Amino acid sequence: MTDATAAAVDTVTNAVATPDRAQPFAALGLKPDEYERIRGILGRRPTSGELAMYSVMWSEHCSYKSSKVHLRQFGRKVTDEMRQRLMVGMGENAGVIDAGEGWAVTFKIESHNHPSFVEPFQGAATGVGGIVRDIISMGARPVAVMDALRFGAVGHPDTARVVHGVVGGISFYGNCLGLPNIGGETRFDATYQANPLVNALAVGVLRHEDLHLANARGAGNQVVLFGARTGGDGIGGASILASESFEAGSARKRPSVQVGDPFAEKVLIECCLELFAGDLVEGIQDLGAAGISCATSELASNGDGGMQIDLDRVLLRDPTLTPEEILMSESQERMMAIVAPAKLADFLAVTAKWEVETSVLGEVTGTGRLVIDWHGETIVDVDPRTVAVDGPVYERPIARPSWIDDLNAASGNDLPRGDDGADLRAQLLRVAGHPDLADASWITAQYDHYVMGNTALATPDDAGMVRVDEASGLGFAVATDGNGRFGQLDPYLGAQLSLAEAYRNVAATGAVPAAVSDCLNFGSPEDPEVMWQFERAVTGLADGCVELGIPVTGGNVSFYNQTGSTPIHPTPVIAVLGLIDDVGRRIPSGWQDDGHNLYLLGTTREELSGSAWASVVHGHLGGRPPIVDLAFERRLAATMAAAAQESLAASAHDLSDGGLAQALVDGVLRFGVGARVWLEEIMERDGVDAATALFSESAGRMIVTVPREDDVRFLGLCRGRDVPVLRIGVTSATGELEVQGRFAIGVDELAAVSRTTLPAAFA
């Protein structure tokens, strides 16, 4: 280190000697009172390195400072039933569920929204990479990924840029890792125009004994950084710093979006799994948001509380990085491990075998302080809990929106419907051809669904399913769902409807729903109306999970998704994971054989507000969302699990966006087998008209096809569990979807409408 460089480094000694030195805390996203609080904690002004750490770790993304007070109800509202399968809950890198037979499944969903608007390809790619490393850090092998995407209006000139970049980034990273992409969802709406949502999910499997947690225990244990070298990419990704260093006159442009290398991550996965198998790791943490600042402070906070680091030992891609930039860098494909001294040589032998660069940065101490040195000078000396745990907690003002009563008063049930066959046919085709509901294979064909050879179900099935154990057939199913329209009308019910839909999608495969991970996407927390939406959604989700008996195991909050003063619709994306004893008994979502009876499970109500029909046919959003009966959703799920166990159902598909009409379109197009359906039974039993029977989005419904020889047993199954069941048609080899007495549409015409929408817009 040169004399000039040494003089530029802001040490603790220098901070004590220059208490009045001005610091750019506001440029780093800190409020004046937060900066004063840091000074009070330290008893002096922070060094530049300490300021860097506090700024990123106290950011909204890392600290959850505006959401903590509401998220705590996930921990408070936990019953014994919800704990039965829960091995690791919130607070770790990912939740872990006991899958039985000594196996466990870990999963999590997180957002990478803002980077994916700035640089869509790398933003989406590194979103996949980051969530996969969360899974690795639990001691698991990643086995699947999914994505939930929201883009702006299809016709907007910027939408294609974002769509091509995001889809390309997801496919590039996931395919290179060799992980199957087994499902997800894609929606388009002007509310997301400058705020696309890129929510990435990953799932991993592990044996119970291989579980690892993120903590640094045992004085003298070594702190080891391994993986890619640290570069200048991603600096400030977790705060607002994107282009400036801390010293006047030394500004340089740094990319605020990380750059990913999936081949390096693939090697890192195998290296980590060998380290776990050799019992060479005491604790481990991935480096994602806030980089070394996060890994060191969180590991120390979760362990004995002390750690000493020599930052100049970090291997760099860019030797000009300042210590502050090294602390804040979010370069990808990096992990930090805590290793016992006696195992260090074996640890280094494994990383050398995989040609993974490794540096020993320091050791765990018993001091209760996180001390970071730079060329022999101390630049950070803090209590790590004040950085990673005891940050600001805000009870933001909450105000019920002034506009919501008028919005709720404009009911979708009052819209003109049309009742003759020609009208209904035209409306069905408009809904089926909308980008939200049209065939998504232009996107999903870019992903590998079956790599690794354990995929049992994948898009466009209701949920993805993967075999965990080849000998027994044990597997899991997972689905993601969100509905911004319902969230805008009523965030409490909107969250519960999204939860119910994901739960129902998993149940439709025959799996038993077991756990939840959530990605909560909202506008600015500084807007009291947004905070009202957020509080209502979190409360709705927490209450819903109690009623369903499944825990929230973790997730992510993404705030500031808005353009100017206009926030996105409240969009909680809910992932539900379920378990199945034998994937050989799975239920697909489309029918393959003619002559099977088609049953509607559940009850149809006049619930057109917030529906795809209201939006697509009338350009309308208003009214109240459908009601939610979570006790019934549980009965419906138990019925489908029993149907799968007894092999009674040939196919099952939930009713959600687009109602019965869209479910029939999906079922017909899945394998090209037609259906003849009659609406009169629904209309008479449920007291609704033909348009409502087709397009209502009442919750708690599925269509199930059953071979005729299994009719009696299936009907007995439903009636024994108090699930309304109604025969509404039969699958047929006629090559058309016929709504008897009203209209018919050939499979070829349906396919032409559904399968050309996205290619016409983006191909």
Foldseek 3Di string as FASTA:
>chain_A
DDPVLVVPFFFPVNQQVCQPDDFPLVLLPDDPVQQVVVCVQVVGHAGLQVSLLQSLCQFCFNAVQANVVQLCLLVVLADPLQCPQWDFFPDFLWTWGHLDPQKIKTKEKAWLWQLCLVQVQLSLLVNQQVRCVSQVQFLFQWAAKEKAKEEEALPDPCRLVSVVRNLNNNLVQCVLLLHAHFYYAYYYYNLCHSTMIIMMMIMTMDGPVLTATQAAADFPWFKKKWFDAFEQEQQSLSTNDAWQRTDPPPTGGGHNGEGDDNNSLSLVSVLSNVCSVVVFFRHKDAAAAQGQSASLLSRLVRYLQFWEFAQQQGGHPDPPDDSSSRRRTRHGTMMMTTGHPVSVVVSVVSCVVSVMDMTTTTTGRNPNWYWYHYPRGTNGTRRSCCSNPVDHHDNAAADADPCLVVQQVPAPLPDDFDAFQVSLVVLLLLLQLDPRNFDPCVSVVSHHRQRVNFWLHGPPWLWTKGQDDPVFQKIKTKYKFKALLQLQNFLLVRLLQRVLSRCLSRLQFLFHWAAKHKEKEKEASNDNNRVNSVSSNSVSNSVLCSLLSHRHRYYGYHYNCGDDPRMRRTIMMMMIMTIARHSVLTATAAADDFFWFKKKWAAFDSAQASASSCCRVPVGHGHHGADDDSNLSNLSSVLSNVCSVVVFFNHKDFAAHQGQSSSQLCRCLVNQWEKEFECVVNCVVRVDGPSSNGGHGHHDMMMTTGHPVSVVVSVCSCVVSVIDMDGTITIHRPQWYHHPPHDIDGNVRSNVSRVVNVVVSHD
